[in-house]
Amino acid sequence: MGRTATDKIASAVGAITEGMSLRAVSRVTGLSRTKLGDLVLQAGRASERLLDEKIRGFRCEQVECDELHTFIKKRRMRVKAKDAPEVGDAWIWVGIDPDSKLVPAHHVGKRGWLDAQRFTRQLRARIEGNVQLNTDRLMAYRAAILGEFSTWNGETWDRPAWGTIVKRYEVEVLDEGRYSPPRVVSVERRAESGNPDMSRVGTSHVESQNLTFRMRNKRAARLGNAFSKTLEHLRAATATYYAHYNFVRAHSTVRTTPAVAAGLAAQPMSLGEFVEWIGDYGR
């Protein structure tokens, strides 16, 4: 971390994971935005390693998956042909265990089959045993889930327990200047493969996690003017958020960190320990 005081770094990391913008963190800590940008990248590298090393052999009954939309540098309608391929829409793929609240895998990219494959491959590498998967009906999931989670028993393929849910919304006519989320008018559940428990097919927990992510990460806040300028910074900030969420922040439902609730850690990691990890492994 160079010659910057550790307490300033800890304050900066804590503020960033609480949803403050880099401009605001710069004003509070006195660190330059250039220094903070470097810190985000360093924290991201360390967080990716922390997640990959610590979340292994995880056992759970089910995982809910969803995709969260944001953008890089420009909104889609402003993207021009000369812009880099990463500019415009970006999607954060997220999986969560509804019981321990652990997020075992995430991926930042686009919303096509290749990114679905990368996400499900990471999920498969970190989860041990059979698990029920619950998703929306995005077509990209089909080949990715069946390809990564199917197993050959010597005679035929055993398909994973996978259920999908589709929610249909009714958009209300609102007064000018008001904003409100649409109301759900119908829900359709379907077994896509295997024998999923249909009573548990849903994405409510991962959707709730997506809302928490938006509240604690300015880069994904709705109706805001904060955004990532590069894919590298978005991936770093996202990895830092999920490492902090899994290992440092106590979840109100399980009353400890998700990693402890999942049996992957003996006790919560303090913010100071998290910052030390960033200093030791983020280079």
Protein backbone atom coordinates (compact mmCIF):
# COMPACT_ATOMS: atom_id res chain seq x y z
CA MET A 1 0.00 0.00 0.00
CA GLY A 2 3.02 2.28 -0.25
CA ARG A 3 3.33 5.13 2.22
CA THR A 4 -0.40 5.86 2.55
CA ALA A 5 -1.60 5.47 6.13
CA THR A 6 -3.38 2.17 6.78
CA ASP A 7 -6.25 3.86 8.60
CA LYS A 8 -6.95 6.04 5.54
CA ILE A 9 -7.00 2.95 3.34
CA ALA A 10 -9.35 1.21 5.76
CA SER A 11 -11.63 4.26 5.82
CA ALA A 12 -11.61 4.39 2.02
CA VAL A 13 -12.40 0.68 1.60
CA GLY A 14 -15.15 0.89 4.21
CA ALA A 15 -16.69 3.94 2.53
CA ILE A 16 -16.56 2.36 -0.93
CA THR A 17 -18.28 -0.82 0.29
CA GLU A 18 -20.97 1.34 1.92
CA GLY A 19 -21.86 2.82 -1.45
CA MET A 20 -20.02 6.15 -1.48
CA SER A 21 -18.78 7.44 -4.81
CA LEU A 22 -15.04 7.88 -5.37
CA ARG A 23 -15.48 11.65 -5.42
CA ALA A 24 -17.17 11.53 -2.01
CA VAL A 25 -14.54 9.14 -0.61
CA SER A 26 -11.82 11.48 -1.88
CA ARG A 27 -13.39 14.40 -0.04
CA VAL A 28 -13.78 12.42 3.20
CA THR A 29 -10.36 10.72 3.27
CA GLY A 30 -8.20 13.25 1.45
CA LEU A 31 -6.96 10.57 -0.97
CA SER A 32 -6.81 11.57 -4.62
CA ARG A 33 -9.19 9.97 -7.10
CA THR A 34 -6.18 8.54 -8.92
CA LYS A 35 -5.04 6.84 -5.71
CA LEU A 36 -8.58 5.59 -5.08
CA GLY A 37 -8.84 4.23 -8.61
CA ASP A 38 -5.62 2.28 -8.06
CA LEU A 39 -6.96 1.08 -4.70
CA VAL A 40 -10.13 -0.23 -6.36
CA LEU A 41 -8.07 -2.29 -8.80
CA GLN A 42 -5.79 -3.60 -6.05
CA ALA A 43 -8.75 -4.47 -3.84
CA GLY A 44 -10.43 -6.18 -6.79
CA ARG A 45 -7.44 -8.42 -7.50
CA ALA A 46 -7.19 -9.38 -3.83
CA SER A 47 -10.94 -9.97 -3.56
CA GLU A 48 -11.03 -12.23 -6.61
CA ARG A 49 -8.27 -14.32 -5.06
CA LEU A 50 -10.04 -14.38 -1.69
CA LEU A 51 -13.28 -15.59 -3.26
CA ASP A 52 -11.54 -18.19 -5.39
CA GLU A 53 -9.42 -19.58 -2.55
CA LYS A 54 -12.01 -19.60 0.22
CA ILE A 55 -15.19 -20.64 -1.62
CA ARG A 56 -14.40 -24.24 -2.46
CA GLY A 57 -16.28 -27.43 -1.69
CA PHE A 58 -19.38 -25.43 -0.77
CA ARG A 59 -22.49 -27.53 -0.21
CA CYS A 60 -26.01 -26.15 -0.41
CA GLU A 61 -29.48 -27.27 -1.45
CA GLN A 62 -30.18 -24.63 -4.05
CA VAL A 63 -28.80 -21.55 -5.78
CA GLU A 64 -30.83 -18.70 -7.22
CA CYS A 65 -29.27 -16.96 -10.24
CA ASP A 66 -30.04 -13.64 -11.91
CA GLU A 67 -28.44 -10.90 -14.03
CA LEU A 68 -28.10 -7.28 -12.92
CA HIS A 69 -27.81 -4.52 -15.54
CA THR A 70 -25.47 -1.55 -15.48
CA PHE A 71 -23.32 0.20 -18.09
CA ILE A 72 -19.74 1.20 -18.81
CA LYS A 73 -18.88 4.77 -19.82
CA LYS A 74 -22.05 5.33 -21.89
CA ARG A 75 -25.65 4.22 -21.88
CA ARG A 76 -26.63 2.00 -24.78
CA MET A 77 -28.36 4.70 -26.82
CA ARG A 78 -25.18 6.83 -26.80
CA VAL A 79 -22.75 4.11 -27.91
CA LYS A 80 -21.11 4.75 -31.29
CA ALA A 81 -19.43 2.37 -33.72
CA LYS A 82 -15.98 3.74 -32.86
CA ASP A 83 -16.37 2.93 -29.14
CA ALA A 84 -14.58 -0.04 -27.59
CA PRO A 85 -16.59 -3.31 -27.36
CA GLU A 86 -16.83 -3.04 -23.57
CA VAL A 87 -18.58 0.34 -23.72
CA GLY A 88 -22.34 0.28 -23.17
CA ASP A 89 -24.44 -2.38 -21.49
CA ALA A 90 -22.80 -4.57 -18.85
CA TRP A 91 -24.36 -7.38 -16.88
CA ILE A 92 -23.44 -8.81 -13.48
CA TRP A 93 -24.37 -12.50 -13.19
CA VAL A 94 -25.02 -13.47 -9.57
CA GLY A 95 -25.79 -16.71 -7.74
CA ILE A 96 -26.90 -16.85 -4.09
CA ASP A 97 -27.66 -19.60 -1.59
CA PRO A 98 -31.01 -18.55 -0.03
CA ASP A 99 -30.21 -20.33 3.25
CA SER A 100 -26.73 -19.06 4.17
CA LYS A 101 -27.05 -15.93 1.94
CA LEU A 102 -23.59 -16.72 0.49
CA VAL A 103 -22.85 -15.53 -3.04
CA PRO A 104 -20.62 -18.38 -4.28
CA ALA A 105 -20.08 -16.97 -7.78
CA HIS A 106 -20.51 -13.86 -9.88
CA HIS A 107 -19.39 -12.77 -13.33
CA VAL A 108 -19.24 -9.40 -15.07
CA GLY A 109 -19.69 -9.24 -18.83
CA LYS A 110 -22.44 -9.17 -21.42
CA ARG A 111 -25.67 -11.18 -21.43
CA GLY A 112 -24.94 -13.86 -24.01
CA TRP A 113 -24.20 -17.56 -23.97
CA LEU A 114 -20.42 -17.17 -23.52
CA ASP A 115 -20.88 -15.14 -20.33
CA ALA A 116 -23.54 -17.58 -19.08
CA GLN A 117 -21.03 -20.39 -19.59
CA ARG A 118 -18.27 -18.55 -17.71
CA PHE A 119 -20.63 -17.84 -14.83
CA THR A 120 -21.98 -21.41 -14.54
CA ARG A 121 -18.46 -22.85 -14.86
CA GLN A 122 -17.33 -20.76 -11.90
CA LEU A 123 -20.43 -21.82 -9.98
CA ARG A 124 -19.80 -25.49 -10.73
CA ALA A 125 -16.14 -25.22 -9.64
CA ARG A 126 -17.07 -23.81 -6.23
CA ILE A 127 -20.07 -26.01 -5.37
CA GLU A 128 -19.74 -29.64 -4.32
CA GLY A 129 -22.50 -32.19 -4.89
CA ASN A 130 -25.90 -31.81 -6.47
CA VAL A 131 -27.77 -28.54 -6.19
CA GLN A 132 -31.09 -27.19 -7.44
CA LEU A 133 -30.70 -24.20 -9.74
CA ASN A 134 -33.39 -21.52 -10.00
CA THR A 135 -33.20 -18.92 -12.77
CA ASP A 136 -35.30 -16.76 -15.03
CA ARG A 137 -35.97 -18.05 -18.56
CA LEU A 138 -33.01 -16.39 -20.29
CA MET A 139 -32.12 -18.72 -23.18
CA ALA A 140 -28.37 -18.35 -22.53
CA TYR A 141 -28.75 -20.42 -19.36
CA ARG A 142 -29.89 -23.60 -21.13
CA ALA A 143 -26.69 -24.73 -22.82
CA ALA A 144 -24.55 -23.34 -19.98
CA ILE A 145 -26.38 -25.09 -17.13
CA LEU A 146 -26.91 -28.39 -18.94
CA GLY A 147 -23.31 -28.34 -20.14
CA GLU A 148 -21.72 -27.62 -16.75
CA PHE A 149 -24.03 -29.44 -14.33
CA SER A 150 -24.94 -32.61 -16.24
CA THR A 151 -23.05 -35.78 -15.25
CA TRP A 152 -22.48 -39.04 -17.13
CA ASN A 153 -23.44 -42.13 -15.09
CA GLY A 154 -22.00 -44.66 -17.54
CA GLU A 155 -25.20 -45.14 -19.50
CA THR A 156 -26.91 -41.78 -19.78
CA TRP A 157 -26.68 -38.16 -18.71
CA ASP A 158 -28.03 -37.16 -15.30
CA ARG A 159 -29.50 -33.70 -15.73
CA PRO A 160 -29.42 -31.12 -12.91
CA ALA A 161 -32.50 -30.11 -10.96
CA TRP A 162 -33.30 -26.81 -12.65
CA GLY A 163 -36.43 -24.71 -12.46
CA THR A 164 -37.29 -21.38 -14.04
CA ILE A 165 -39.63 -18.59 -13.08
CA VAL A 166 -41.16 -15.84 -15.19
CA LYS A 167 -42.82 -12.82 -13.59
CA ARG A 168 -45.17 -10.63 -15.59
CA TYR A 169 -45.58 -7.02 -14.59
CA GLU A 170 -48.20 -4.35 -15.00
CA VAL A 171 -46.87 -0.85 -15.36
CA GLU A 172 -49.12 1.68 -13.66
CA VAL A 173 -49.75 5.10 -15.10
CA LEU A 174 -48.03 7.52 -12.73
CA ASP A 175 -48.12 11.23 -12.23
CA GLU A 176 -45.34 13.12 -13.97
CA GLY A 177 -42.17 13.09 -11.94
CA ARG A 178 -43.01 9.96 -9.93
CA TYR A 179 -41.19 6.65 -10.11
CA SER A 180 -42.39 3.32 -8.79
CA PRO A 181 -41.46 -0.31 -9.58
CA PRO A 182 -44.06 -2.23 -11.61
CA ARG A 183 -46.53 -4.54 -9.91
CA VAL A 184 -46.29 -8.33 -10.44
CA VAL A 185 -49.55 -9.61 -11.96
CA SER A 186 -48.65 -13.27 -12.63
CA VAL A 187 -45.93 -15.83 -11.93
CA GLU A 188 -45.17 -18.92 -14.01
CA ARG A 189 -42.83 -21.69 -12.80
CA ARG A 190 -41.50 -24.51 -14.97
CA ALA A 191 -39.21 -27.51 -14.47
CA GLU A 192 -36.50 -27.29 -17.13
CA SER A 193 -34.57 -30.44 -16.24
CA GLY A 194 -34.18 -33.01 -13.48
CA ASN A 195 -36.65 -33.03 -10.62
CA PRO A 196 -36.62 -29.61 -8.95
CA ASP A 197 -38.72 -28.84 -5.89
CA MET A 198 -41.25 -26.54 -7.57
CA SER A 199 -42.29 -25.00 -4.25
CA ARG A 200 -38.78 -23.56 -3.95
CA VAL A 201 -38.34 -22.35 -7.53
CA GLY A 202 -37.90 -18.60 -7.34
CA THR A 203 -35.49 -15.70 -7.62
CA SER A 204 -36.71 -13.45 -4.81
CA HIS A 205 -33.54 -13.80 -2.72
CA VAL A 206 -31.14 -13.01 -5.56
CA GLU A 207 -33.34 -10.08 -6.64
CA SER A 208 -33.17 -8.76 -3.08
CA GLN A 209 -29.38 -9.14 -3.20
CA ASN A 210 -29.32 -7.21 -6.47
CA LEU A 211 -31.17 -4.35 -4.78
CA THR A 212 -28.65 -4.38 -1.92
CA PHE A 213 -25.83 -4.31 -4.46
CA ARG A 214 -27.33 -1.27 -6.18
CA MET A 215 -27.71 0.51 -2.84
CA ARG A 216 -24.12 -0.17 -1.83
CA ASN A 217 -22.41 0.33 -5.18
CA LYS A 218 -22.75 3.69 -6.93
CA ARG A 219 -21.72 2.14 -10.24
CA ALA A 220 -25.02 0.26 -10.42
CA ALA A 221 -27.41 2.74 -8.76
CA ARG A 222 -30.61 3.31 -10.72
CA LEU A 223 -31.50 6.80 -11.91
CA GLY A 224 -28.04 8.00 -10.88
CA ASN A 225 -25.11 9.59 -12.68
CA ALA A 226 -22.32 7.35 -11.34
CA PHE A 227 -20.86 4.68 -13.62
CA SER A 228 -17.71 2.71 -14.40
CA LYS A 229 -15.38 4.04 -17.07
CA THR A 230 -13.74 0.67 -17.76
CA LEU A 231 -14.70 -2.99 -17.54
CA GLU A 232 -11.60 -3.58 -15.39
CA HIS A 233 -12.80 -1.14 -12.73
CA LEU A 234 -16.35 -2.54 -12.77
CA ARG A 235 -15.04 -6.08 -12.29
CA ALA A 236 -12.72 -4.95 -9.48
CA ALA A 237 -15.43 -3.02 -7.64
CA THR A 238 -17.87 -5.93 -8.00
CA ALA A 239 -15.37 -8.48 -6.67
CA THR A 240 -14.56 -6.21 -3.72
CA TYR A 241 -18.25 -5.86 -2.89
CA TYR A 242 -18.91 -9.61 -2.90
CA ALA A 243 -15.75 -10.43 -0.92
CA HIS A 244 -16.73 -7.86 1.70
CA TYR A 245 -20.36 -9.08 1.64
CA ASN A 246 -19.41 -12.75 2.07
CA PHE A 247 -16.61 -12.46 4.64
CA VAL A 248 -16.87 -9.11 6.47
CA ARG A 249 -20.45 -7.83 6.64
CA ALA A 250 -22.87 -9.59 9.03
CA HIS A 251 -26.17 -10.42 7.33
CA SER A 252 -29.24 -9.50 9.37
CA THR A 253 -31.06 -12.76 8.52
CA VAL A 254 -28.32 -15.26 9.49
CA ARG A 255 -26.85 -12.88 12.15
CA THR A 256 -23.29 -13.45 10.97
CA THR A 257 -21.41 -13.27 7.70
CA PRO A 258 -22.61 -15.56 4.89
CA ALA A 259 -19.21 -17.30 4.84
CA VAL A 260 -19.56 -18.25 8.52
CA ALA A 261 -23.18 -19.35 8.01
CA ALA A 262 -22.04 -21.50 5.09
CA GLY A 263 -19.26 -23.13 7.11
CA LEU A 264 -16.48 -21.61 5.00
CA ALA A 265 -15.05 -19.42 7.77
CA ALA A 266 -14.74 -19.84 11.53
CA GLN A 267 -15.49 -16.19 12.29
CA PRO A 268 -16.19 -12.94 10.47
CA MET A 269 -13.25 -11.08 8.97
CA SER A 270 -12.78 -7.59 10.39
CA LEU A 271 -12.39 -4.61 8.09
CA GLY A 272 -8.79 -4.33 9.26
CA GLU A 273 -8.11 -7.95 8.32
CA PHE A 274 -9.76 -7.38 4.95
CA VAL A 275 -7.52 -4.37 4.32
CA GLU A 276 -4.46 -6.43 5.32
CA TRP A 277 -5.53 -9.09 2.81
CA ILE A 278 -5.73 -6.41 0.13
CA GLY A 279 -2.24 -5.20 1.00
CA ASP A 280 -0.74 -8.70 1.04
CA TYR A 281 -2.44 -10.20 -2.02
CA GLY A 282 -3.57 -7.29 -4.16
CA ARG A 283 -0.26 -6.72 -5.85
